[in-house]
Amino acid sequence: RDELIHRLDHLVSGMTIGAGIDDCDITPLISKQQLSKVSSMCEQASASGLKSIHGGKALDRAGNFMAPTVFVDVPIDAPIAQNEVFGPVICVSDFSTPSHAVSMANGTDFGLASGVFTKDVNLALWTADQLWSGQVYVNGWFVGSVETPFGGVKQSGYGREKGREALDGYLQTRNVGFKIRSPE
């Protein structure tokens, strides 16, 4: 836990912030409204006593930039852990067993994506099978290609983009049933 938090702090401290065309690590949020939403979620988390080791506020610069933010010791029932932030915010929560971690991850109304980081292939496969999200990434983020379907479950949406599954949105499946009389 402590090593993870130290590494996150080091990683986030070195991130570049700017326009996507400049190949920066953190780019602006899509709109002023989204920046306000993410900033408000972070302010509420801080006001409720959650500790951020980095960021937590919108940046004072032109554009819709949010500071990369790391909250630690986040209870799973905290609003910032229960909702999709869609901003550069990560929450660190402790767990005691793999089953406990899966229960925490599945214990929200959302399920767009989840990630598993482990050297144990069997544990990775077990965890991926137990997680209820549209994508499960193992030992990386956005692992896949244009051929792999993308989409969420629960309140994170339905349907799929990319892959063969995306074609379902262009289809109207019909069923024609016949009752065949047996010969008399």
N, C-alpha and C. Protein backbone atom coordinates (compact mmCIF):
# COMPACT_ATOMS: atom_id res chain seq x y z
N ARG A 1 0.83 -1.19 0.00
CA ARG A 1 0.00 0.00 0.00
C ARG A 1 0.87 1.25 0.00
N ASP A 2 1.80 1.33 0.95
CA ASP A 2 2.65 2.50 1.04
C ASP A 2 3.51 2.68 -0.21
N GLU A 3 4.03 1.57 -0.75
CA GLU A 3 4.83 1.65 -1.96
C GLU A 3 3.97 2.15 -3.14
N LEU A 4 2.74 1.64 -3.24
CA LEU A 4 1.84 2.08 -4.31
C LEU A 4 1.58 3.57 -4.20
N ILE A 5 1.27 4.04 -3.01
CA ILE A 5 0.98 5.47 -2.82
C ILE A 5 2.22 6.31 -3.15
N HIS A 6 3.39 5.86 -2.73
CA HIS A 6 4.63 6.58 -3.04
C HIS A 6 4.84 6.64 -4.56
N ARG A 7 4.63 5.51 -5.23
CA ARG A 7 4.83 5.47 -6.69
C ARG A 7 3.79 6.34 -7.41
N LEU A 8 2.54 6.32 -6.94
CA LEU A 8 1.51 7.16 -7.54
C LEU A 8 1.87 8.64 -7.40
N ASP A 9 2.30 9.03 -6.22
CA ASP A 9 2.67 10.42 -5.98
C ASP A 9 3.82 10.83 -6.89
N HIS A 10 4.82 9.96 -7.02
CA HIS A 10 5.96 10.24 -7.90
C HIS A 10 5.51 10.34 -9.36
N LEU A 11 4.67 9.40 -9.78
CA LEU A 11 4.18 9.39 -11.16
C LEU A 11 3.37 10.65 -11.47
N VAL A 12 2.44 10.97 -10.60
CA VAL A 12 1.57 12.11 -10.83
C VAL A 12 2.36 13.42 -10.80
N SER A 13 3.34 13.51 -9.92
CA SER A 13 4.16 14.73 -9.83
C SER A 13 4.92 15.01 -11.12
N GLY A 14 5.23 13.99 -11.89
CA GLY A 14 5.99 14.17 -13.12
C GLY A 14 5.15 14.28 -14.38
N MET A 15 3.83 14.28 -14.23
CA MET A 15 2.97 14.32 -15.42
C MET A 15 2.98 15.70 -16.07
N THR A 16 2.96 15.68 -17.40
CA THR A 16 2.87 16.93 -18.15
C THR A 16 1.39 17.24 -18.38
N ILE A 17 1.07 18.52 -18.36
CA ILE A 17 -0.31 18.98 -18.50
C ILE A 17 -0.36 19.97 -19.64
N GLY A 18 -1.24 19.71 -20.61
CA GLY A 18 -1.36 20.62 -21.73
C GLY A 18 -2.26 20.04 -22.81
N ALA A 19 -2.17 20.59 -23.98
CA ALA A 19 -3.02 20.19 -25.11
C ALA A 19 -2.66 18.78 -25.58
N GLY A 20 -3.65 18.05 -26.01
CA GLY A 20 -3.42 16.70 -26.50
C GLY A 20 -2.49 16.66 -27.69
N ILE A 21 -2.54 17.67 -28.53
CA ILE A 21 -1.67 17.73 -29.71
C ILE A 21 -0.20 17.79 -29.32
N ASP A 22 0.06 18.24 -28.08
CA ASP A 22 1.44 18.32 -27.58
C ASP A 22 1.87 17.03 -26.88
N ASP A 23 1.04 15.99 -26.97
CA ASP A 23 1.32 14.68 -26.39
C ASP A 23 1.57 14.74 -24.88
N CYS A 24 0.72 15.51 -24.19
CA CYS A 24 0.84 15.64 -22.74
C CYS A 24 0.14 14.47 -22.05
N ASP A 25 0.50 14.23 -20.79
CA ASP A 25 -0.12 13.16 -20.01
C ASP A 25 -1.54 13.51 -19.60
N ILE A 26 -1.75 14.74 -19.19
CA ILE A 26 -3.07 15.22 -18.76
C ILE A 26 -3.50 16.30 -19.74
N THR A 27 -4.64 16.09 -20.35
CA THR A 27 -5.18 17.04 -21.32
C THR A 27 -6.44 17.68 -20.72
N PRO A 28 -6.98 18.73 -21.35
CA PRO A 28 -8.14 19.39 -20.75
C PRO A 28 -9.37 18.47 -20.77
N LEU A 29 -10.26 18.70 -19.82
CA LEU A 29 -11.53 18.00 -19.82
C LEU A 29 -12.38 18.53 -20.96
N ILE A 30 -13.42 17.81 -21.32
CA ILE A 30 -14.20 18.09 -22.52
C ILE A 30 -14.92 19.43 -22.48
N SER A 31 -15.27 19.92 -21.28
CA SER A 31 -16.04 21.16 -21.20
C SER A 31 -15.84 21.82 -19.84
N LYS A 32 -16.23 23.07 -19.78
CA LYS A 32 -16.20 23.80 -18.51
C LYS A 32 -17.13 23.13 -17.50
N GLN A 33 -18.28 22.61 -17.96
CA GLN A 33 -19.23 21.93 -17.08
C GLN A 33 -18.60 20.66 -16.48
N GLN A 34 -17.86 19.91 -17.29
CA GLN A 34 -17.22 18.70 -16.78
C GLN A 34 -16.12 19.05 -15.79
N LEU A 35 -15.37 20.10 -16.06
CA LEU A 35 -14.35 20.55 -15.12
C LEU A 35 -15.00 20.94 -13.80
N SER A 36 -16.11 21.64 -13.86
CA SER A 36 -16.83 22.03 -12.65
C SER A 36 -17.31 20.81 -11.88
N LYS A 37 -17.82 19.81 -12.60
CA LYS A 37 -18.31 18.58 -11.95
C LYS A 37 -17.18 17.85 -11.24
N VAL A 38 -16.06 17.65 -11.93
CA VAL A 38 -14.93 16.92 -11.35
C VAL A 38 -14.35 17.71 -10.17
N SER A 39 -14.18 19.01 -10.34
CA SER A 39 -13.65 19.86 -9.28
C SER A 39 -14.57 19.81 -8.05
N SER A 40 -15.86 19.86 -8.28
CA SER A 40 -16.84 19.81 -7.18
C SER A 40 -16.79 18.47 -6.46
N MET A 41 -16.66 17.38 -7.20
CA MET A 41 -16.55 16.06 -6.57
C MET A 41 -15.32 15.99 -5.66
N CYS A 42 -14.21 16.56 -6.13
CA CYS A 42 -12.98 16.56 -5.33
C CYS A 42 -13.12 17.46 -4.10
N GLU A 43 -13.74 18.62 -4.27
CA GLU A 43 -13.94 19.53 -3.14
C GLU A 43 -14.83 18.87 -2.08
N GLN A 44 -15.89 18.19 -2.53
CA GLN A 44 -16.77 17.50 -1.58
C GLN A 44 -16.04 16.38 -0.86
N ALA A 45 -15.20 15.66 -1.58
CA ALA A 45 -14.42 14.58 -0.96
C ALA A 45 -13.49 15.16 0.11
N SER A 46 -12.81 16.24 -0.22
CA SER A 46 -11.92 16.88 0.76
C SER A 46 -12.70 17.41 1.95
N ALA A 47 -13.84 18.05 1.69
CA ALA A 47 -14.67 18.59 2.78
C ALA A 47 -15.19 17.49 3.70
N SER A 48 -15.36 16.27 3.17
CA SER A 48 -15.84 15.17 4.00
C SER A 48 -14.71 14.50 4.78
N GLY A 49 -13.48 15.00 4.60
CA GLY A 49 -12.36 14.49 5.38
C GLY A 49 -11.42 13.57 4.62
N LEU A 50 -11.70 13.32 3.34
CA LEU A 50 -10.78 12.48 2.58
C LEU A 50 -9.49 13.24 2.32
N LYS A 51 -8.40 12.49 2.31
CA LYS A 51 -7.07 13.09 2.16
C LYS A 51 -6.57 12.91 0.74
N SER A 52 -6.20 14.02 0.11
CA SER A 52 -5.56 13.93 -1.20
C SER A 52 -4.07 14.17 -1.00
N ILE A 53 -3.27 13.34 -1.65
CA ILE A 53 -1.82 13.53 -1.57
C ILE A 53 -1.31 14.33 -2.77
N HIS A 54 -2.22 14.56 -3.71
CA HIS A 54 -1.84 15.34 -4.89
C HIS A 54 -3.11 15.91 -5.52
N GLY A 55 -3.04 17.16 -5.95
CA GLY A 55 -4.13 17.76 -6.71
C GLY A 55 -5.37 18.04 -5.88
N GLY A 56 -6.52 17.85 -6.53
CA GLY A 56 -7.80 18.07 -5.87
C GLY A 56 -8.53 19.31 -6.32
N LYS A 57 -7.91 20.09 -7.21
CA LYS A 57 -8.53 21.34 -7.66
C LYS A 57 -8.31 21.55 -9.16
N ALA A 58 -9.17 22.38 -9.73
CA ALA A 58 -8.97 22.82 -11.11
C ALA A 58 -7.71 23.68 -11.14
N LEU A 59 -6.99 23.62 -12.24
CA LEU A 59 -5.77 24.42 -12.38
C LEU A 59 -6.12 25.85 -12.77
N ASP A 60 -5.38 26.79 -12.26
CA ASP A 60 -5.59 28.20 -12.55
C ASP A 60 -4.83 28.56 -13.83
N ARG A 61 -5.44 28.17 -14.94
CA ARG A 61 -4.85 28.44 -16.25
C ARG A 61 -5.95 28.38 -17.30
N ALA A 62 -5.68 28.90 -18.47
CA ALA A 62 -6.67 28.88 -19.54
C ALA A 62 -6.97 27.44 -19.94
N GLY A 63 -8.22 27.14 -20.18
CA GLY A 63 -8.63 25.80 -20.58
C GLY A 63 -9.28 25.06 -19.42
N ASN A 64 -9.77 23.88 -19.71
CA ASN A 64 -10.52 23.08 -18.72
C ASN A 64 -9.61 22.05 -18.07
N PHE A 65 -8.58 22.53 -17.38
CA PHE A 65 -7.58 21.64 -16.82
C PHE A 65 -7.82 21.36 -15.34
N MET A 66 -7.81 20.08 -15.01
CA MET A 66 -7.93 19.61 -13.63
C MET A 66 -6.58 19.03 -13.23
N ALA A 67 -6.14 19.35 -12.03
CA ALA A 67 -4.89 18.78 -11.55
C ALA A 67 -5.06 17.27 -11.37
N PRO A 68 -4.06 16.49 -11.77
CA PRO A 68 -4.14 15.05 -11.48
C PRO A 68 -4.24 14.88 -9.96
N THR A 69 -5.18 14.05 -9.53
CA THR A 69 -5.54 13.98 -8.12
C THR A 69 -5.48 12.55 -7.61
N VAL A 70 -4.91 12.39 -6.43
CA VAL A 70 -4.84 11.08 -5.77
C VAL A 70 -5.42 11.20 -4.37
N PHE A 71 -6.52 10.51 -4.12
CA PHE A 71 -7.09 10.40 -2.78
C PHE A 71 -6.67 9.06 -2.19
N VAL A 72 -6.34 9.05 -0.90
CA VAL A 72 -5.93 7.81 -0.24
C VAL A 72 -6.88 7.49 0.92
N ASP A 73 -6.88 6.21 1.29
CA ASP A 73 -7.72 5.73 2.39
C ASP A 73 -9.19 6.07 2.16
N VAL A 74 -9.65 5.82 0.95
CA VAL A 74 -11.02 6.17 0.57
C VAL A 74 -11.96 5.03 0.92
N PRO A 75 -12.96 5.27 1.78
CA PRO A 75 -13.95 4.23 2.06
C PRO A 75 -14.76 3.95 0.79
N ILE A 76 -15.10 2.71 0.58
CA ILE A 76 -15.79 2.33 -0.66
C ILE A 76 -17.15 3.00 -0.79
N ASP A 77 -17.75 3.42 0.32
CA ASP A 77 -19.06 4.07 0.23
C ASP A 77 -18.96 5.59 0.03
N ALA A 78 -17.76 6.13 -0.08
CA ALA A 78 -17.59 7.56 -0.33
C ALA A 78 -18.14 7.89 -1.72
N PRO A 79 -18.84 9.01 -1.86
CA PRO A 79 -19.41 9.36 -3.18
C PRO A 79 -18.38 9.35 -4.31
N ILE A 80 -17.15 9.79 -4.04
CA ILE A 80 -16.15 9.83 -5.10
C ILE A 80 -15.73 8.43 -5.53
N ALA A 81 -15.92 7.44 -4.66
CA ALA A 81 -15.62 6.04 -5.00
C ALA A 81 -16.83 5.35 -5.61
N GLN A 82 -18.01 5.91 -5.41
CA GLN A 82 -19.24 5.29 -5.89
C GLN A 82 -19.71 5.82 -7.23
N ASN A 83 -19.08 6.86 -7.74
CA ASN A 83 -19.54 7.50 -8.98
C ASN A 83 -18.42 7.58 -10.01
N GLU A 84 -18.83 7.69 -11.26
CA GLU A 84 -17.86 7.85 -12.34
C GLU A 84 -17.42 9.31 -12.38
N VAL A 85 -16.14 9.54 -12.18
CA VAL A 85 -15.62 10.90 -12.11
C VAL A 85 -15.36 11.46 -13.50
N PHE A 86 -14.81 10.67 -14.39
CA PHE A 86 -14.43 11.10 -15.74
C PHE A 86 -13.51 12.32 -15.69
N GLY A 87 -12.47 12.19 -14.89
CA GLY A 87 -11.44 13.20 -14.78
C GLY A 87 -10.19 12.52 -14.23
N PRO A 88 -9.09 13.26 -14.14
CA PRO A 88 -7.81 12.67 -13.71
C PRO A 88 -7.75 12.48 -12.19
N VAL A 89 -8.60 11.58 -11.69
CA VAL A 89 -8.73 11.35 -10.25
C VAL A 89 -8.64 9.86 -9.98
N ILE A 90 -7.84 9.48 -8.99
CA ILE A 90 -7.75 8.09 -8.58
C ILE A 90 -7.97 8.03 -7.07
N CYS A 91 -8.70 7.00 -6.66
CA CYS A 91 -8.95 6.76 -5.24
C CYS A 91 -8.29 5.46 -4.83
N VAL A 92 -7.53 5.50 -3.75
CA VAL A 92 -6.86 4.31 -3.24
C VAL A 92 -7.61 3.82 -2.01
N SER A 93 -8.02 2.56 -2.06
CA SER A 93 -8.73 1.93 -0.94
C SER A 93 -8.03 0.63 -0.60
N ASP A 94 -7.98 0.32 0.68
CA ASP A 94 -7.36 -0.93 1.13
C ASP A 94 -8.35 -2.09 1.02
N PHE A 95 -7.83 -3.29 0.78
CA PHE A 95 -8.63 -4.50 0.81
C PHE A 95 -7.81 -5.60 1.46
N SER A 96 -8.50 -6.60 1.99
CA SER A 96 -7.78 -7.64 2.73
C SER A 96 -7.58 -8.92 1.93
N THR A 97 -8.48 -9.23 0.99
CA THR A 97 -8.38 -10.44 0.19
C THR A 97 -8.82 -10.13 -1.24
N PRO A 98 -8.49 -10.98 -2.20
CA PRO A 98 -9.00 -10.76 -3.56
C PRO A 98 -10.53 -10.71 -3.60
N SER A 99 -11.20 -11.55 -2.83
CA SER A 99 -12.68 -11.52 -2.80
C SER A 99 -13.18 -10.18 -2.29
N HIS A 100 -12.50 -9.63 -1.29
CA HIS A 100 -12.88 -8.32 -0.76
C HIS A 100 -12.70 -7.24 -1.83
N ALA A 101 -11.60 -7.30 -2.58
CA ALA A 101 -11.36 -6.32 -3.65
C ALA A 101 -12.45 -6.41 -4.72
N VAL A 102 -12.81 -7.62 -5.11
CA VAL A 102 -13.86 -7.81 -6.12
C VAL A 102 -15.19 -7.28 -5.60
N SER A 103 -15.49 -7.57 -4.34
CA SER A 103 -16.74 -7.09 -3.75
C SER A 103 -16.79 -5.57 -3.76
N MET A 104 -15.67 -4.93 -3.45
CA MET A 104 -15.61 -3.46 -3.48
C MET A 104 -15.81 -2.95 -4.90
N ALA A 105 -15.13 -3.56 -5.85
CA ALA A 105 -15.22 -3.11 -7.24
C ALA A 105 -16.63 -3.31 -7.80
N ASN A 106 -17.25 -4.41 -7.45
CA ASN A 106 -18.61 -4.69 -7.95
C ASN A 106 -19.68 -3.96 -7.16
N GLY A 107 -19.31 -3.33 -6.05
CA GLY A 107 -20.27 -2.70 -5.16
C GLY A 107 -20.66 -1.29 -5.52
N THR A 108 -20.66 -0.97 -6.80
CA THR A 108 -21.12 0.34 -7.25
C THR A 108 -22.21 0.12 -8.30
N ASP A 109 -22.87 1.20 -8.67
CA ASP A 109 -23.89 1.13 -9.72
C ASP A 109 -23.28 1.22 -11.11
N PHE A 110 -21.96 1.28 -11.18
CA PHE A 110 -21.29 1.50 -12.45
C PHE A 110 -20.39 0.33 -12.80
N GLY A 111 -20.04 0.21 -14.06
CA GLY A 111 -19.18 -0.89 -14.49
C GLY A 111 -18.63 -0.67 -15.88
N LEU A 112 -17.95 0.44 -16.10
CA LEU A 112 -17.37 0.67 -17.42
C LEU A 112 -16.12 -0.18 -17.62
N ALA A 113 -15.16 -0.04 -16.73
CA ALA A 113 -13.90 -0.77 -16.88
C ALA A 113 -13.30 -1.05 -15.51
N SER A 114 -12.50 -2.10 -15.46
CA SER A 114 -11.78 -2.43 -14.24
C SER A 114 -10.40 -2.94 -14.62
N GLY A 115 -9.50 -2.90 -13.67
CA GLY A 115 -8.14 -3.34 -13.95
C GLY A 115 -7.62 -4.25 -12.86
N VAL A 116 -6.83 -5.22 -13.26
CA VAL A 116 -6.20 -6.18 -12.35
C VAL A 116 -4.71 -6.14 -12.61
N PHE A 117 -3.94 -5.96 -11.55
CA PHE A 117 -2.49 -5.97 -11.68
C PHE A 117 -1.95 -7.03 -10.75
N THR A 118 -1.35 -8.09 -11.33
CA THR A 118 -0.81 -9.19 -10.54
C THR A 118 0.17 -9.98 -11.39
N LYS A 119 1.09 -10.67 -10.73
CA LYS A 119 2.00 -11.60 -11.42
C LYS A 119 1.40 -12.99 -11.49
N ASP A 120 0.31 -13.23 -10.77
CA ASP A 120 -0.33 -14.54 -10.67
C ASP A 120 -1.41 -14.67 -11.76
N VAL A 121 -1.13 -15.43 -12.80
CA VAL A 121 -2.06 -15.58 -13.92
C VAL A 121 -3.39 -16.18 -13.46
N ASN A 122 -3.35 -17.18 -12.59
CA ASN A 122 -4.59 -17.79 -12.11
C ASN A 122 -5.44 -16.78 -11.34
N LEU A 123 -4.80 -15.96 -10.51
CA LEU A 123 -5.52 -14.93 -9.78
C LEU A 123 -6.10 -13.90 -10.75
N ALA A 124 -5.34 -13.55 -11.78
CA ALA A 124 -5.83 -12.58 -12.77
C ALA A 124 -7.07 -13.13 -13.47
N LEU A 125 -7.02 -14.40 -13.88
CA LEU A 125 -8.17 -15.00 -14.56
C LEU A 125 -9.37 -15.10 -13.63
N TRP A 126 -9.15 -15.52 -12.38
CA TRP A 126 -10.25 -15.62 -11.42
C TRP A 126 -10.88 -14.24 -11.20
N THR A 127 -10.03 -13.25 -11.00
CA THR A 127 -10.53 -11.90 -10.72
C THR A 127 -11.29 -11.35 -11.92
N ALA A 128 -10.73 -11.50 -13.11
CA ALA A 128 -11.40 -11.02 -14.31
C ALA A 128 -12.77 -11.67 -14.48
N ASP A 129 -12.88 -12.94 -14.14
CA ASP A 129 -14.16 -13.63 -14.23
C ASP A 129 -15.16 -13.09 -13.21
N GLN A 130 -14.70 -12.67 -12.06
CA GLN A 130 -15.58 -12.20 -10.98
C GLN A 130 -16.01 -10.75 -11.14
N LEU A 131 -15.20 -9.93 -11.79
CA LEU A 131 -15.51 -8.51 -11.92
C LEU A 131 -16.66 -8.30 -12.91
N TRP A 132 -17.60 -7.43 -12.55
CA TRP A 132 -18.75 -7.14 -13.40
C TRP A 132 -18.56 -5.76 -13.99
N SER A 133 -17.84 -5.73 -15.12
CA SER A 133 -17.63 -4.49 -15.86
C SER A 133 -17.51 -4.83 -17.34
N GLY A 134 -17.70 -3.82 -18.17
CA GLY A 134 -17.67 -4.03 -19.61
C GLY A 134 -16.31 -4.45 -20.13
N GLN A 135 -15.26 -3.97 -19.51
CA GLN A 135 -13.89 -4.33 -19.87
C GLN A 135 -13.14 -4.66 -18.59
N VAL A 136 -12.28 -5.65 -18.67
CA VAL A 136 -11.36 -5.95 -17.58
C VAL A 136 -9.97 -5.96 -18.20
N TYR A 137 -9.13 -5.05 -17.74
CA TYR A 137 -7.77 -4.96 -18.23
C TYR A 137 -6.84 -5.64 -17.23
N VAL A 138 -5.90 -6.43 -17.72
CA VAL A 138 -4.96 -7.13 -16.85
C VAL A 138 -3.55 -6.62 -17.14
N ASN A 139 -2.90 -6.11 -16.11
CA ASN A 139 -1.52 -5.64 -16.15
C ASN A 139 -1.28 -4.54 -17.18
N GLY A 140 -2.27 -3.74 -17.43
CA GLY A 140 -2.16 -2.62 -18.34
C GLY A 140 -3.50 -1.92 -18.41
N TRP A 141 -3.53 -0.79 -19.09
CA TRP A 141 -4.79 -0.07 -19.22
C TRP A 141 -5.07 0.12 -20.69
N PHE A 142 -6.33 0.00 -21.08
CA PHE A 142 -6.77 0.04 -22.47
C PHE A 142 -6.05 -1.01 -23.30
N VAL A 143 -5.93 -2.20 -22.72
CA VAL A 143 -5.36 -3.34 -23.43
C VAL A 143 -6.40 -3.81 -24.43
N GLY A 144 -6.07 -3.85 -25.67
CA GLY A 144 -7.01 -4.27 -26.71
C GLY A 144 -6.73 -3.52 -27.99
N SER A 145 -7.69 -3.58 -28.90
CA SER A 145 -7.53 -2.94 -30.20
C SER A 145 -8.91 -2.59 -30.74
N VAL A 146 -8.95 -2.14 -31.99
CA VAL A 146 -10.24 -1.79 -32.58
C VAL A 146 -11.14 -3.01 -32.74
N GLU A 147 -10.58 -4.20 -32.67
CA GLU A 147 -11.37 -5.42 -32.81
C GLU A 147 -12.03 -5.84 -31.50
N THR A 148 -11.63 -5.25 -30.38
CA THR A 148 -12.18 -5.66 -29.09
C THR A 148 -13.33 -4.74 -28.70
N PRO A 149 -14.46 -5.31 -28.28
CA PRO A 149 -15.61 -4.48 -27.96
C PRO A 149 -15.37 -3.58 -26.75
N PHE A 150 -16.00 -2.41 -26.76
CA PHE A 150 -15.89 -1.43 -25.68
C PHE A 150 -17.29 -0.99 -25.28
N GLY A 151 -17.58 -1.01 -23.99
CA GLY A 151 -18.85 -0.54 -23.46
C GLY A 151 -19.00 -1.01 -22.03
N GLY A 152 -19.95 -0.42 -21.31
CA GLY A 152 -20.10 -0.71 -19.90
C GLY A 152 -21.28 -1.60 -19.58
N VAL A 153 -21.46 -1.82 -18.28
CA VAL A 153 -22.60 -2.55 -17.74
C VAL A 153 -23.22 -1.70 -16.64
N LYS A 154 -24.32 -2.13 -16.10
CA LYS A 154 -25.05 -1.41 -15.05
C LYS A 154 -25.33 0.02 -15.54
N GLN A 155 -25.08 1.04 -14.71
CA GLN A 155 -25.37 2.42 -15.08
C GLN A 155 -24.31 3.03 -16.00
N SER A 156 -23.33 2.24 -16.39
CA SER A 156 -22.30 2.72 -17.31
C SER A 156 -22.69 2.50 -18.77
N GLY A 157 -23.91 2.08 -19.00
CA GLY A 157 -24.39 1.99 -20.37
C GLY A 157 -24.61 0.58 -20.84
N TYR A 158 -25.04 0.49 -22.06
CA TYR A 158 -25.27 -0.80 -22.69
C TYR A 158 -24.85 -0.68 -24.15
N GLY A 159 -24.78 -1.82 -24.82
CA GLY A 159 -24.31 -1.82 -26.20
C GLY A 159 -22.80 -1.78 -26.24
N ARG A 160 -22.27 -1.94 -27.42
CA ARG A 160 -20.82 -1.98 -27.59
C ARG A 160 -20.39 -1.15 -28.78
N GLU A 161 -19.25 -0.51 -28.62
CA GLU A 161 -18.55 0.12 -29.72
C GLU A 161 -17.40 -0.81 -30.07
N LYS A 162 -16.93 -0.73 -31.28
CA LYS A 162 -15.79 -1.53 -31.77
C LYS A 162 -16.14 -3.02 -31.81
N GLY A 163 -15.36 -3.75 -32.56
CA GLY A 163 -15.53 -5.19 -32.64
C GLY A 163 -16.81 -5.60 -33.36
N ARG A 164 -16.99 -6.90 -33.52
CA ARG A 164 -18.20 -7.43 -34.17
C ARG A 164 -19.47 -7.03 -33.42
N GLU A 165 -19.37 -6.93 -32.09
CA GLU A 165 -20.54 -6.60 -31.28
C GLU A 165 -21.11 -5.22 -31.62
N ALA A 166 -20.28 -4.31 -32.14
CA ALA A 166 -20.75 -2.98 -32.51
C ALA A 166 -21.75 -3.05 -33.67
N LEU A 167 -21.67 -4.09 -34.48
CA LEU A 167 -22.58 -4.23 -35.61
C LEU A 167 -24.01 -4.45 -35.16
N ASP A 168 -24.21 -4.95 -33.94
CA ASP A 168 -25.57 -5.20 -33.45
C ASP A 168 -26.42 -3.93 -33.48
N GLY A 169 -25.81 -2.78 -33.33
CA GLY A 169 -26.55 -1.51 -33.37
C GLY A 169 -27.11 -1.20 -34.74
N TYR A 170 -26.65 -1.88 -35.77
CA TYR A 170 -27.10 -1.63 -37.13
C TYR A 170 -28.06 -2.72 -37.61
N LEU A 171 -28.38 -3.66 -36.74
CA LEU A 171 -29.20 -4.79 -37.13
C LEU A 171 -30.58 -4.72 -36.50
N GLN A 172 -31.55 -5.29 -37.18
CA GLN A 172 -32.86 -5.54 -36.61
C GLN A 172 -33.10 -7.02 -36.75
N THR A 173 -32.96 -7.71 -35.65
CA THR A 173 -33.14 -9.16 -35.66
C THR A 173 -34.62 -9.47 -35.64
N ARG A 174 -35.01 -10.42 -36.47
CA ARG A 174 -36.41 -10.83 -36.52
C ARG A 174 -36.49 -12.33 -36.32
N ASN A 175 -37.63 -12.75 -35.87
CA ASN A 175 -37.88 -14.17 -35.70
C ASN A 175 -39.14 -14.53 -36.47
N VAL A 176 -39.04 -15.54 -37.29
CA VAL A 176 -40.22 -16.06 -38.01
C VAL A 176 -40.38 -17.50 -37.55
N GLY A 177 -41.52 -17.78 -36.92
CA GLY A 177 -41.76 -19.12 -36.40
C GLY A 177 -42.86 -19.81 -37.19
N PHE A 178 -42.69 -21.08 -37.43
CA PHE A 178 -43.68 -21.91 -38.12
C PHE A 178 -44.12 -23.04 -37.21
N LYS A 179 -45.39 -23.28 -37.25
CA LYS A 179 -45.85 -24.51 -36.62
C LYS A 179 -46.09 -25.48 -37.75
N ILE A 180 -45.38 -26.54 -37.75
CA ILE A 180 -45.49 -27.55 -38.80
C ILE A 180 -46.39 -28.67 -38.28
N ARG A 181 -47.41 -28.93 -39.06
CA ARG A 181 -48.27 -30.05 -38.71
C ARG A 181 -47.59 -31.36 -39.01
N SER A 182 -47.77 -32.25 -38.13
CA SER A 182 -47.23 -33.59 -38.43
C SER A 182 -48.14 -34.25 -39.44
N PRO A 183 -47.60 -35.05 -40.34
CA PRO A 183 -48.45 -35.71 -41.36
C PRO A 183 -49.47 -36.63 -40.71
N GLU A 184 -50.67 -36.61 -41.24
CA GLU A 184 -51.72 -37.45 -40.66
C GLU A 184 -51.82 -38.76 -41.36
